[in-house]
Amino acid sequence: MFAVKSLCAVAVLASSVAAQAKFQYGTPNPNMAGVVGRNSNGPTNPKTPQENTPINQTSMARLVSVNSVDDWCIYGPPENGQTIANVEGEVVAYCTKPRNNARVIPDGTVTAAHFVKTPLYVQLMALGDFTKIGFAPGDQGGELDPHGATNMGNPVGGNVTSNVSGKDVFYEEWMNFVSVDQACIRICIAGTDVAPTPLECQHTLDEMGCNWVMPGNYADNSFDTCDGDAAYPPGLFPQPDGSTSTFQQYFSSVYTAPGGDVQTFINASPDQQTPSAAYSLPSTSQCTTASSIANGIKSLVSGSSSSAMML
């Protein structure tokens, strides 16, 4: 399970998990509202995605790109040993290549990576030892998204891009789950009336973890790129009678606004059953494998005294 700042218990408004099923999501539209990003780009970020930027393991840049099995970024702690749930608004970008003025993920950190492109989103699933980029040992992690408690994003000023359309595009809806040994990120690149981007990149299921929210291949010691079917939006469970049951994660939390106003948030019910997995595992095809991913950077330590270096 992934830790969050609020006091949480998990509940559900859904039934048991079904077998493999293909999601009939309609015709993808990369130009519909909610696809292209409108959030402001943080002041520590480059204005556009850039490759071959200086390696700076103290960078505060928060621009993440997900382009391929060996060219992607995730969010991680700005200082060594921090627990993600405590710094969701301050996390920074870590990338597999020197790009975006971000920190770099050293060789030997990632033990598996699986990249999938679907008509509605791109998704990257990775395993590794993320203590090598500052994660606290044993950290069960957290969920980052463009919203957050103040709707300014977790992290504030964070943005994501992908070039799978043939050009770099800032996207509006995305979600990134990270922990000490697992990471996954989904960027919604198109939407439909049946599956708009806020639904396919649902951001309110932060306790459920990668395998539940972003079903896919999480095998260790392997690297591949695949085309795939889009998954059912997280938390949707079609029923035998044709209806759809919707999962809601139960939580009760208190948020104190900067002005001192106290707000209590409660949803769902604490006495309902949680399904063990997503509704179905989407199929993949046209997979190609690689032996590993590497950048030639072996021993940089996040938070070190040296501020920058070049390849």
C-alpha atoms as a PDB file:
ATOM      1  CA  MET A   1       0.000   0.000   0.000  1.00  0.00           C
ATOM      2  CA  PHE A   2       1.104   3.580  -0.588  1.00  0.00           C
ATOM      3  CA  ALA A   3       1.247   5.961   2.345  1.00  0.00           C
ATOM      4  CA  VAL A   4      -0.509   9.329   2.162  1.00  0.00           C
ATOM      5  CA  LYS A   5      -0.688  12.365   4.415  1.00  0.00           C
ATOM      6  CA  SER A   6      -4.331  11.884   5.338  1.00  0.00           C
ATOM      7  CA  LEU A   7      -5.657   9.249   7.724  1.00  0.00           C
ATOM      8  CA  CYS A   8      -6.887   6.530   5.418  1.00  0.00           C
ATOM      9  CA  ALA A   9      -8.761   3.278   5.328  1.00  0.00           C
ATOM     10  CA  VAL A  10      -9.708   1.705   2.037  1.00  0.00           C
ATOM     11  CA  ALA A  11     -13.262   0.941   1.005  1.00  0.00           C
ATOM     12  CA  VAL A  12     -15.035   0.204  -2.246  1.00  0.00           C
ATOM     13  CA  LEU A  13     -18.281   0.590  -4.106  1.00  0.00           C
ATOM     14  CA  ALA A  14     -17.584  -2.305  -6.436  1.00  0.00           C
ATOM     15  CA  SER A  15     -17.688  -6.082  -6.764  1.00  0.00           C
ATOM     16  CA  SER A  16     -15.155  -8.818  -7.435  1.00  0.00           C
ATOM     17  CA  VAL A  17     -12.562  -8.729 -10.189  1.00  0.00           C
ATOM     18  CA  ALA A  18     -13.526 -10.040 -13.618  1.00  0.00           C
ATOM     19  CA  ALA A  19     -11.464 -11.936 -16.189  1.00  0.00           C
ATOM     20  CA  GLN A  20      -9.684 -10.422 -19.187  1.00  0.00           C
ATOM     21  CA  ALA A  21     -11.899  -7.969 -21.050  1.00  0.00           C
ATOM     22  CA  LYS A  22     -11.207  -5.333 -23.689  1.00  0.00           C
ATOM     23  CA  PHE A  23     -12.322  -1.815 -22.855  1.00  0.00           C
ATOM     24  CA  GLN A  24     -14.617  -0.326 -25.515  1.00  0.00           C
ATOM     25  CA  TYR A  25     -13.402   3.235 -25.075  1.00  0.00           C
ATOM     26  CA  GLY A  26     -14.598   4.865 -28.318  1.00  0.00           C
ATOM     27  CA  THR A  27     -12.539   6.927 -30.754  1.00  0.00           C
ATOM     28  CA  PRO A  28      -9.460   8.574 -29.191  1.00  0.00           C
ATOM     29  CA  ASN A  29      -9.211  12.325 -29.691  1.00  0.00           C
ATOM     30  CA  PRO A  30      -5.831  13.954 -28.924  1.00  0.00           C
ATOM     31  CA  ASN A  31      -7.377  17.411 -29.380  1.00  0.00           C
ATOM     32  CA  MET A  32     -10.330  17.241 -27.015  1.00  0.00           C
ATOM     33  CA  ALA A  33     -10.485  19.382 -23.889  1.00  0.00           C
ATOM     34  CA  GLY A  34      -8.373  18.065 -21.006  1.00  0.00           C
ATOM     35  CA  VAL A  35      -5.643  16.498 -23.142  1.00  0.00           C
ATOM     36  CA  VAL A  36      -3.068  19.236 -23.712  1.00  0.00           C
ATOM     37  CA  GLY A  37      -1.688  20.688 -20.486  1.00  0.00           C
ATOM     38  CA  ARG A  38      -2.763  24.103 -19.227  1.00  0.00           C
ATOM     39  CA  ASN A  39      -0.980  24.151 -15.865  1.00  0.00           C
ATOM     40  CA  SER A  40       1.750  26.739 -15.402  1.00  0.00           C
ATOM     41  CA  ASN A  41       5.273  25.406 -15.830  1.00  0.00           C
ATOM     42  CA  GLY A  42       7.274  25.725 -12.615  1.00  0.00           C
ATOM     43  CA  PRO A  43      10.094  28.296 -12.453  1.00  0.00           C
ATOM     44  CA  THR A  44      12.736  25.599 -11.941  1.00  0.00           C
ATOM     45  CA  ASN A  45      11.736  23.817 -15.164  1.00  0.00           C
ATOM     46  CA  PRO A  46      13.004  24.462 -18.685  1.00  0.00           C
ATOM     47  CA  LYS A  47      10.304  25.990 -20.876  1.00  0.00           C
ATOM     48  CA  THR A  48      10.374  22.958 -23.135  1.00  0.00           C
ATOM     49  CA  PRO A  49      11.772  19.412 -22.774  1.00  0.00           C
ATOM     50  CA  GLN A  50      15.485  19.360 -23.508  1.00  0.00           C
ATOM     51  CA  GLU A  51      18.018  16.572 -23.944  1.00  0.00           C
ATOM     52  CA  ASN A  52      21.689  16.603 -22.932  1.00  0.00           C
ATOM     53  CA  THR A  53      21.286  19.169 -20.184  1.00  0.00           C
ATOM     54  CA  PRO A  54      23.934  19.413 -17.422  1.00  0.00           C
ATOM     55  CA  ILE A  55      23.821  16.733 -14.737  1.00  0.00           C
ATOM     56  CA  ASN A  56      22.857  18.444 -11.513  1.00  0.00           C
ATOM     57  CA  GLN A  57      22.020  16.113  -8.631  1.00  0.00           C
ATOM     58  CA  THR A  58      20.780  19.026  -6.535  1.00  0.00           C
ATOM     59  CA  SER A  59      18.442  20.338  -9.248  1.00  0.00           C
ATOM     60  CA  MET A  60      14.921  21.360  -8.242  1.00  0.00           C
ATOM     61  CA  ALA A  61      13.528  20.954 -11.775  1.00  0.00           C
ATOM     62  CA  ARG A  62      10.122  19.274 -11.906  1.00  0.00           C
ATOM     63  CA  LEU A  63       9.579  18.608 -15.608  1.00  0.00           C
ATOM     64  CA  VAL A  64       9.056  14.887 -16.278  1.00  0.00           C
ATOM     65  CA  SER A  65       9.157  13.314 -19.757  1.00  0.00           C
ATOM     66  CA  VAL A  66       8.079   9.768 -20.664  1.00  0.00           C
ATOM     67  CA  ASN A  67       9.133   8.882 -24.204  1.00  0.00           C
ATOM     68  CA  SER A  68      10.443   5.299 -24.345  1.00  0.00           C
ATOM     69  CA  VAL A  69      11.728   2.386 -22.278  1.00  0.00           C
ATOM     70  CA  ASP A  70      15.116   4.105 -21.871  1.00  0.00           C
ATOM     71  CA  ASP A  71      14.010   7.760 -21.883  1.00  0.00           C
ATOM     72  CA  TRP A  72      11.731   8.554 -18.947  1.00  0.00           C
ATOM     73  CA  CYS A  73      11.534  10.363 -15.651  1.00  0.00           C
ATOM     74  CA  ILE A  74       9.791   9.920 -12.313  1.00  0.00           C
ATOM     75  CA  TYR A  75       9.457  12.088  -9.227  1.00  0.00           C
ATOM     76  CA  GLY A  76      11.553  11.516  -6.119  1.00  0.00           C
ATOM     77  CA  PRO A  77      12.616  13.221  -2.880  1.00  0.00           C
ATOM     78  CA  PRO A  78      14.618  16.464  -3.060  1.00  0.00           C
ATOM     79  CA  GLU A  79      16.831  15.366  -0.152  1.00  0.00           C
ATOM     80  CA  ASN A  80      18.240  11.958   0.779  1.00  0.00           C
ATOM     81  CA  GLY A  81      16.126   9.811   3.071  1.00  0.00           C
ATOM     82  CA  GLN A  82      12.904  11.784   2.845  1.00  0.00           C
ATOM     83  CA  THR A  83       9.584   9.915   2.913  1.00  0.00           C
ATOM     84  CA  ILE A  84       7.576  10.677  -0.223  1.00  0.00           C
ATOM     85  CA  ALA A  85       4.283  11.144   1.639  1.00  0.00           C
ATOM     86  CA  ASN A  86       5.867  14.028   3.545  1.00  0.00           C
ATOM     87  CA  VAL A  87       7.253  15.874   0.501  1.00  0.00           C
ATOM     88  CA  GLU A  88       4.682  15.303  -2.250  1.00  0.00           C
ATOM     89  CA  GLY A  89       4.522  19.026  -2.990  1.00  0.00           C
ATOM     90  CA  GLU A  90       8.312  19.345  -3.207  1.00  0.00           C
ATOM     91  CA  VAL A  91       9.441  16.228  -5.112  1.00  0.00           C
ATOM     92  CA  VAL A  92      11.772  16.704  -8.087  1.00  0.00           C
ATOM     93  CA  ALA A  93      12.357  15.000 -11.423  1.00  0.00           C
ATOM     94  CA  TYR A  94      14.802  12.119 -11.853  1.00  0.00           C
ATOM     95  CA  CYS A  95      15.435  10.974 -15.441  1.00  0.00           C
ATOM     96  CA  THR A  96      17.179   8.041 -17.106  1.00  0.00           C
ATOM     97  CA  LYS A  97      19.014  10.463 -19.407  1.00  0.00           C
ATOM     98  CA  PRO A  98      20.456  13.934 -18.824  1.00  0.00           C
ATOM     99  CA  ARG A  99      17.419  16.009 -19.764  1.00  0.00           C
ATOM    100  CA  ASN A 100      15.103  18.779 -18.593  1.00  0.00           C
ATOM    101  CA  ASN A 101      17.776  20.176 -16.215  1.00  0.00           C
ATOM    102  CA  ALA A 102      16.700  17.328 -13.927  1.00  0.00           C
ATOM    103  CA  ARG A 103      18.610  14.903 -11.736  1.00  0.00           C
ATOM    104  CA  VAL A 104      19.805  11.677 -13.366  1.00  0.00           C
ATOM    105  CA  ILE A 105      19.014   8.098 -12.339  1.00  0.00           C
ATOM    106  CA  PRO A 106      22.418   6.353 -12.105  1.00  0.00           C
ATOM    107  CA  ASP A 107      23.124   3.000 -13.730  1.00  0.00           C
ATOM    108  CA  GLY A 108      22.310   0.063 -11.464  1.00  0.00           C
ATOM    109  CA  THR A 109      19.237   1.745  -9.987  1.00  0.00           C
ATOM    110  CA  VAL A 110      16.619   0.309 -12.371  1.00  0.00           C
ATOM    111  CA  THR A 111      16.304  -3.484 -12.590  1.00  0.00           C
ATOM    112  CA  ALA A 112      13.250  -3.602 -14.869  1.00  0.00           C
ATOM    113  CA  ALA A 113      11.352  -1.215 -17.132  1.00  0.00           C
ATOM    114  CA  HIS A 114       8.243  -1.816 -19.236  1.00  0.00           C
ATOM    115  CA  PHE A 115       6.939   0.848 -21.638  1.00  0.00           C
ATOM    116  CA  VAL A 116       3.465   0.586 -23.152  1.00  0.00           C
ATOM    117  CA  LYS A 117       1.799   2.871 -25.657  1.00  0.00           C
ATOM    118  CA  THR A 118      -1.990   2.640 -25.906  1.00  0.00           C
ATOM    119  CA  PRO A 119      -4.515   4.762 -27.822  1.00  0.00           C
ATOM    120  CA  LEU A 120      -5.360   6.677 -24.620  1.00  0.00           C
ATOM    121  CA  TYR A 121      -2.116   6.828 -22.649  1.00  0.00           C
ATOM    122  CA  VAL A 122       1.537   5.908 -22.369  1.00  0.00           C
ATOM    123  CA  GLN A 123       2.613   4.006 -19.276  1.00  0.00           C
ATOM    124  CA  LEU A 124       5.985   3.160 -17.780  1.00  0.00           C
ATOM    125  CA  MET A 125       6.396   0.496 -15.078  1.00  0.00           C
ATOM    126  CA  ALA A 126       9.754   0.095 -13.350  1.00  0.00           C
ATOM    127  CA  LEU A 127      11.405  -1.790 -10.506  1.00  0.00           C
ATOM    128  CA  GLY A 128      14.669  -0.967  -8.815  1.00  0.00           C
ATOM    129  CA  ASP A 129      16.560   0.216  -5.776  1.00  0.00           C
ATOM    130  CA  PHE A 130      15.443   3.814  -5.502  1.00  0.00           C
ATOM    131  CA  THR A 131      17.436   4.437  -2.341  1.00  0.00           C
ATOM    132  CA  LYS A 132      20.087   5.280  -4.968  1.00  0.00           C
ATOM    133  CA  ILE A 133      18.115   8.423  -5.805  1.00  0.00           C
ATOM    134  CA  GLY A 134      17.344   9.390  -2.233  1.00  0.00           C
ATOM    135  CA  PHE A 135      14.293   7.339  -1.262  1.00  0.00           C
ATOM    136  CA  ALA A 136      14.165   6.361   2.400  1.00  0.00           C
ATOM    137  CA  PRO A 137      14.682   2.613   3.008  1.00  0.00           C
ATOM    138  CA  GLY A 138      11.304   0.913   3.377  1.00  0.00           C
ATOM    139  CA  ASP A 139       9.345   3.900   2.022  1.00  0.00           C
ATOM    140  CA  GLN A 140       5.994   2.653   0.735  1.00  0.00           C
ATOM    141  CA  GLY A 141       5.776   5.830  -1.281  1.00  0.00           C
ATOM    142  CA  GLY A 142       3.008   8.025  -2.552  1.00  0.00           C
ATOM    143  CA  GLU A 143       1.143   9.300  -5.581  1.00  0.00           C
ATOM    144  CA  LEU A 144       1.963  12.440  -7.556  1.00  0.00           C
ATOM    145  CA  ASP A 145      -0.461  14.156  -9.933  1.00  0.00           C
ATOM    146  CA  PRO A 146      -1.282  17.586 -11.425  1.00  0.00           C
ATOM    147  CA  HIS A 147      -3.860  18.380  -8.715  1.00  0.00           C
ATOM    148  CA  GLY A 148      -2.945  17.952  -5.039  1.00  0.00           C
ATOM    149  CA  ALA A 149      -4.746  19.313  -1.991  1.00  0.00           C
ATOM    150  CA  THR A 150      -4.483  22.916  -3.214  1.00  0.00           C
ATOM    151  CA  ASN A 151      -4.997  22.053  -6.931  1.00  0.00           C
ATOM    152  CA  MET A 152      -1.540  23.493  -7.643  1.00  0.00           C
ATOM    153  CA  GLY A 153      -0.047  20.075  -8.317  1.00  0.00           C
ATOM    154  CA  ASN A 154       1.992  17.487  -6.478  1.00  0.00           C
ATOM    155  CA  PRO A 155       4.659  18.676  -6.929  1.00  0.00           C
ATOM    156  CA  VAL A 156       3.803  22.362  -7.181  1.00  0.00           C
ATOM    157  CA  GLY A 157       4.999  23.513 -10.600  1.00  0.00           C
ATOM    158  CA  GLY A 158       5.379  19.945 -11.863  1.00  0.00           C
ATOM    159  CA  ASN A 159       4.564  19.143 -15.474  1.00  0.00           C
ATOM    160  CA  VAL A 160       4.841  16.137 -17.775  1.00  0.00           C
ATOM    161  CA  THR A 161       5.505  15.672 -21.482  1.00  0.00           C
ATOM    162  CA  SER A 162       5.749  12.862 -24.020  1.00  0.00           C
ATOM    163  CA  ASN A 163       6.892  12.774 -27.634  1.00  0.00           C
ATOM    164  CA  VAL A 164       5.006   9.618 -28.673  1.00  0.00           C
ATOM    165  CA  SER A 165       2.838  11.714 -31.027  1.00  0.00           C
ATOM    166  CA  GLY A 166       5.961  12.710 -32.957  1.00  0.00           C
ATOM    167  CA  LYS A 167       6.497  15.971 -31.085  1.00  0.00           C
ATOM    168  CA  ASP A 168       6.922  17.011 -27.463  1.00  0.00           C
ATOM    169  CA  VAL A 169       3.526  17.748 -25.897  1.00  0.00           C
ATOM    170  CA  PHE A 170       2.684  18.966 -22.393  1.00  0.00           C
ATOM    171  CA  TYR A 171      -0.205  16.821 -21.140  1.00  0.00           C
ATOM    172  CA  GLU A 172      -2.904  17.813 -18.671  1.00  0.00           C
ATOM    173  CA  GLU A 173      -3.665  14.543 -16.855  1.00  0.00           C
ATOM    174  CA  TRP A 174      -1.118  12.099 -15.462  1.00  0.00           C
ATOM    175  CA  MET A 175      -0.355  10.078 -12.331  1.00  0.00           C
ATOM    176  CA  ASN A 176       2.936   8.811 -10.921  1.00  0.00           C
ATOM    177  CA  PHE A 177       3.181   6.255  -8.101  1.00  0.00           C
ATOM    178  CA  VAL A 178       6.633   5.871  -6.549  1.00  0.00           C
ATOM    179  CA  SER A 179       8.079   3.835  -3.691  1.00  0.00           C
ATOM    180  CA  VAL A 180      11.493   2.591  -2.654  1.00  0.00           C
ATOM    181  CA  ASP A 181      11.400  -0.358  -5.085  1.00  0.00           C
ATOM    182  CA  GLN A 182       8.628   0.316  -7.616  1.00  0.00           C
ATOM    183  CA  ALA A 183       7.489   3.164  -9.847  1.00  0.00           C
ATOM    184  CA  CYS A 184       4.813   3.641 -12.458  1.00  0.00           C
ATOM    185  CA  ILE A 185       3.622   6.632 -14.425  1.00  0.00           C
ATOM    186  CA  ARG A 186       0.700   7.051 -16.824  1.00  0.00           C
ATOM    187  CA  ILE A 187       0.268  10.084 -19.090  1.00  0.00           C
ATOM    188  CA  CYS A 188      -3.101  10.452 -20.818  1.00  0.00           C
ATOM    189  CA  ILE A 189      -2.414  11.425 -24.445  1.00  0.00           C
ATOM    190  CA  ALA A 190      -6.002  11.295 -25.783  1.00  0.00           C
ATOM    191  CA  GLY A 191      -9.545  11.155 -24.506  1.00  0.00           C
ATOM    192  CA  THR A 192     -13.005  10.030 -25.546  1.00  0.00           C
ATOM    193  CA  ASP A 193     -16.534  10.733 -24.373  1.00  0.00           C
ATOM    194  CA  VAL A 194     -16.468   7.323 -22.646  1.00  0.00           C
ATOM    195  CA  ALA A 195     -12.979   7.740 -21.210  1.00  0.00           C
ATOM    196  CA  PRO A 196     -12.016  11.406 -20.756  1.00  0.00           C
ATOM    197  CA  THR A 197      -8.495  11.976 -19.504  1.00  0.00           C
ATOM    198  CA  PRO A 198      -9.464  12.753 -15.860  1.00  0.00           C
ATOM    199  CA  LEU A 199     -11.133   9.332 -15.699  1.00  0.00           C
ATOM    200  CA  GLU A 200      -8.346   7.322 -17.357  1.00  0.00           C
ATOM    201  CA  CYS A 201      -5.729   9.151 -15.258  1.00  0.00           C
ATOM    202  CA  GLN A 202      -7.767   9.008 -12.046  1.00  0.00           C
ATOM    203  CA  HIS A 203      -5.796  10.616  -9.225  1.00  0.00           C
ATOM    204  CA  THR A 204      -7.811   9.832  -6.078  1.00  0.00           C
ATOM    205  CA  LEU A 205      -6.660   6.236  -5.553  1.00  0.00           C
ATOM    206  CA  ASP A 206      -3.339   6.979  -3.885  1.00  0.00           C
ATOM    207  CA  GLU A 207      -3.438   4.065  -1.426  1.00  0.00           C
ATOM    208  CA  MET A 208      -3.948   1.360  -4.035  1.00  0.00           C
ATOM    209  CA  GLY A 209      -0.497   1.181  -5.633  1.00  0.00           C
ATOM    210  CA  CYS A 210       0.856   0.580  -9.128  1.00  0.00           C
ATOM    211  CA  ASN A 211      -0.468  -2.896  -9.891  1.00  0.00           C
ATOM    212  CA  TRP A 212      -4.029  -1.970  -8.932  1.00  0.00           C
ATOM    213  CA  VAL A 213      -4.274   1.469 -10.541  1.00  0.00           C
ATOM    214  CA  MET A 214      -2.012   0.848 -13.557  1.00  0.00           C
ATOM    215  CA  PRO A 215      -2.239  -2.874 -14.367  1.00  0.00           C
ATOM    216  CA  GLY A 216       0.517  -4.143 -16.629  1.00  0.00           C
ATOM    217  CA  ASN A 217       3.821  -6.001 -16.685  1.00  0.00           C
ATOM    218  CA  TYR A 218       5.775  -5.666 -13.430  1.00  0.00           C
ATOM    219  CA  ALA A 219       8.231  -8.522 -14.025  1.00  0.00           C
ATOM    220  CA  ASP A 220      11.708  -7.895 -12.651  1.00  0.00           C
ATOM    221  CA  ASN A 221      14.983  -8.234 -14.578  1.00  0.00           C
ATOM    222  CA  SER A 222      13.443  -7.465 -17.972  1.00  0.00           C
ATOM    223  CA  PHE A 223      13.030  -4.473 -20.266  1.00  0.00           C
ATOM    224  CA  ASP A 224      10.519  -4.137 -23.099  1.00  0.00           C
ATOM    225  CA  THR A 225       8.400  -1.857 -25.248  1.00  0.00           C
ATOM    226  CA  CYS A 226       4.874  -2.842 -26.299  1.00  0.00           C
ATOM    227  CA  ASP A 227       1.719  -1.570 -27.934  1.00  0.00           C
ATOM    228  CA  GLY A 228      -1.299  -2.178 -25.746  1.00  0.00           C
ATOM    229  CA  ASP A 229      -5.017  -1.923 -25.278  1.00  0.00           C
ATOM    230  CA  ALA A 230      -6.165   0.800 -22.913  1.00  0.00           C
ATOM    231  CA  ALA A 231      -7.150  -0.422 -19.466  1.00  0.00           C
ATOM    232  CA  TYR A 232     -10.532   0.199 -17.918  1.00  0.00           C
ATOM    233  CA  PRO A 233     -10.295   3.498 -16.035  1.00  0.00           C
ATOM    234  CA  PRO A 234      -9.057   2.862 -12.477  1.00  0.00           C
ATOM    235  CA  GLY A 235     -11.874   1.950 -10.128  1.00  0.00           C
ATOM    236  CA  LEU A 236     -14.476   1.033 -12.762  1.00  0.00           C
ATOM    237  CA  PHE A 237     -15.915  -2.493 -12.479  1.00  0.00           C
ATOM    238  CA  PRO A 238     -18.446  -3.505 -15.168  1.00  0.00           C
ATOM    239  CA  GLN A 239     -21.191  -5.762 -13.811  1.00  0.00           C
ATOM    240  CA  PRO A 240     -22.934  -8.792 -15.404  1.00  0.00           C
ATOM    241  CA  ASP A 241     -26.175  -6.805 -15.773  1.00  0.00           C
ATOM    242  CA  GLY A 242     -24.446  -4.156 -17.901  1.00  0.00           C
ATOM    243  CA  SER A 243     -24.096  -1.566 -15.148  1.00  0.00           C
ATOM    244  CA  THR A 244     -20.770  -0.259 -13.835  1.00  0.00           C
ATOM    245  CA  SER A 245     -19.780  -0.166 -10.187  1.00  0.00           C
ATOM    246  CA  THR A 246     -17.327   2.557  -9.157  1.00  0.00           C
ATOM    247  CA  PHE A 247     -14.580   2.188  -6.590  1.00  0.00           C
ATOM    248  CA  GLN A 248     -13.972   4.993  -4.108  1.00  0.00           C
ATOM    249  CA  GLN A 249     -11.079   4.996  -1.698  1.00  0.00           C
ATOM    250  CA  TYR A 250     -12.346   5.807   1.763  1.00  0.00           C
ATOM    251  CA  PHE A 251     -10.544   8.580   3.555  1.00  0.00           C
ATOM    252  CA  SER A 252     -11.017  10.989   6.382  1.00  0.00           C
ATOM    253  CA  SER A 253      -8.596  13.879   6.623  1.00  0.00           C
ATOM    254  CA  VAL A 254      -8.274  17.454   7.781  1.00  0.00           C
ATOM    255  CA  TYR A 255      -6.714  20.185   5.661  1.00  0.00           C
ATOM    256  CA  THR A 256      -5.767  23.603   7.045  1.00  0.00           C
ATOM    257  CA  ALA A 257      -5.697  26.270   4.347  1.00  0.00           C
ATOM    258  CA  PRO A 258      -3.038  29.035   4.405  1.00  0.00           C
ATOM    259  CA  GLY A 259      -5.626  31.456   5.798  1.00  0.00           C
ATOM    260  CA  GLY A 260      -6.379  29.145   8.714  1.00  0.00           C
ATOM    261  CA  ASP A 261      -9.639  27.676   7.444  1.00  0.00           C
ATOM    262  CA  VAL A 262      -9.977  24.025   8.466  1.00  0.00           C
ATOM    263  CA  GLN A 263     -11.711  21.627   6.081  1.00  0.00           C
ATOM    264  CA  THR A 264     -12.629  18.005   6.812  1.00  0.00           C
ATOM    265  CA  PHE A 265     -12.806  15.561   3.921  1.00  0.00           C
ATOM    266  CA  ILE A 266     -14.727  12.280   4.168  1.00  0.00           C
ATOM    267  CA  ASN A 267     -15.878  10.076   1.317  1.00  0.00           C
ATOM    268  CA  ALA A 268     -17.158   6.525   0.791  1.00  0.00           C
ATOM    269  CA  SER A 269     -17.751   4.240   3.742  1.00  0.00           C
ATOM    270  CA  PRO A 270     -15.209   2.425   5.939  1.00  0.00           C
ATOM    271  CA  ASP A 271     -17.115  -0.877   6.069  1.00  0.00           C
ATOM    272  CA  GLN A 272     -17.155  -1.835   2.389  1.00  0.00           C
ATOM    273  CA  GLN A 273     -14.984  -4.443   0.696  1.00  0.00           C
ATOM    274  CA  THR A 274     -11.978  -3.673  -1.486  1.00  0.00           C
ATOM    275  CA  PRO A 275     -11.451  -5.689  -4.696  1.00  0.00           C
ATOM    276  CA  SER A 276      -8.065  -7.352  -4.890  1.00  0.00           C
ATOM    277  CA  ALA A 277      -7.100  -6.031  -8.333  1.00  0.00           C
ATOM    278  CA  ALA A 278      -8.169  -3.918 -11.273  1.00  0.00           C
ATOM    279  CA  TYR A 279     -11.065  -5.137 -13.395  1.00  0.00           C
ATOM    280  CA  SER A 280      -8.797  -6.609 -16.070  1.00  0.00           C
ATOM    281  CA  LEU A 281      -5.245  -6.754 -17.337  1.00  0.00           C
ATOM    282  CA  PRO A 282      -5.062  -5.086 -20.789  1.00  0.00           C
ATOM    283  CA  SER A 283      -3.427  -7.104 -23.552  1.00  0.00           C
ATOM    284  CA  THR A 284      -0.188  -6.086 -25.288  1.00  0.00           C
ATOM    285  CA  SER A 285       1.369  -6.823 -28.677  1.00  0.00           C
ATOM    286  CA  GLN A 286       4.305  -5.928 -30.917  1.00  0.00           C
ATOM    287  CA  CYS A 287       6.689  -6.187 -27.963  1.00  0.00           C
ATOM    288  CA  THR A 288      10.420  -5.696 -28.361  1.00  0.00           C
ATOM    289  CA  THR A 289      12.919  -6.476 -25.614  1.00  0.00           C
ATOM    290  CA  ALA A 290      16.198  -4.948 -24.511  1.00  0.00           C
ATOM    291  CA  SER A 291      18.939  -6.356 -22.306  1.00  0.00           C
ATOM    292  CA  SER A 292      19.004  -3.306 -20.020  1.00  0.00           C
ATOM    293  CA  ILE A 293      18.927   0.474 -19.989  1.00  0.00           C
ATOM    294  CA  ALA A 294      21.982   2.560 -19.174  1.00  0.00           C
ATOM    295  CA  ASN A 295      23.388   6.068 -19.384  1.00  0.00           C
ATOM    296  CA  GLY A 296      26.995   5.481 -18.322  1.00  0.00           C
ATOM    297  CA  ILE A 297      26.478   7.354 -15.046  1.00  0.00           C
ATOM    298  CA  LYS A 298      27.276   4.975 -12.219  1.00  0.00           C
ATOM    299  CA  SER A 299      27.790   6.618  -8.874  1.00  0.00           C
ATOM    300  CA  LEU A 300      26.287  10.072  -8.578  1.00  0.00           C
ATOM    301  CA  VAL A 301      24.624  10.584  -5.203  1.00  0.00           C
ATOM    302  CA  SER A 302      21.551  12.779  -4.842  1.00  0.00           C
ATOM    303  CA  GLY A 303      22.172  15.760  -2.613  1.00  0.00           C
ATOM    304  CA  SER A 304      25.966  15.637  -2.973  1.00  0.00           C
ATOM    305  CA  SER A 305      28.014  18.777  -2.594  1.00  0.00           C
ATOM    306  CA  SER A 306      28.967  18.917  -6.280  1.00  0.00           C
ATOM    307  CA  SER A 307      26.251  20.898  -8.017  1.00  0.00           C
ATOM    308  CA  ALA A 308      26.680  19.945 -11.663  1.00  0.00           C
ATOM    309  CA  MET A 309      28.746  18.044 -14.170  1.00  0.00           C
ATOM    310  CA  MET A 310      28.649  17.280 -17.866  1.00  0.00           C
ATOM    311  CA  LEU A 311      28.792  13.928 -19.644  1.00  0.00           C
END
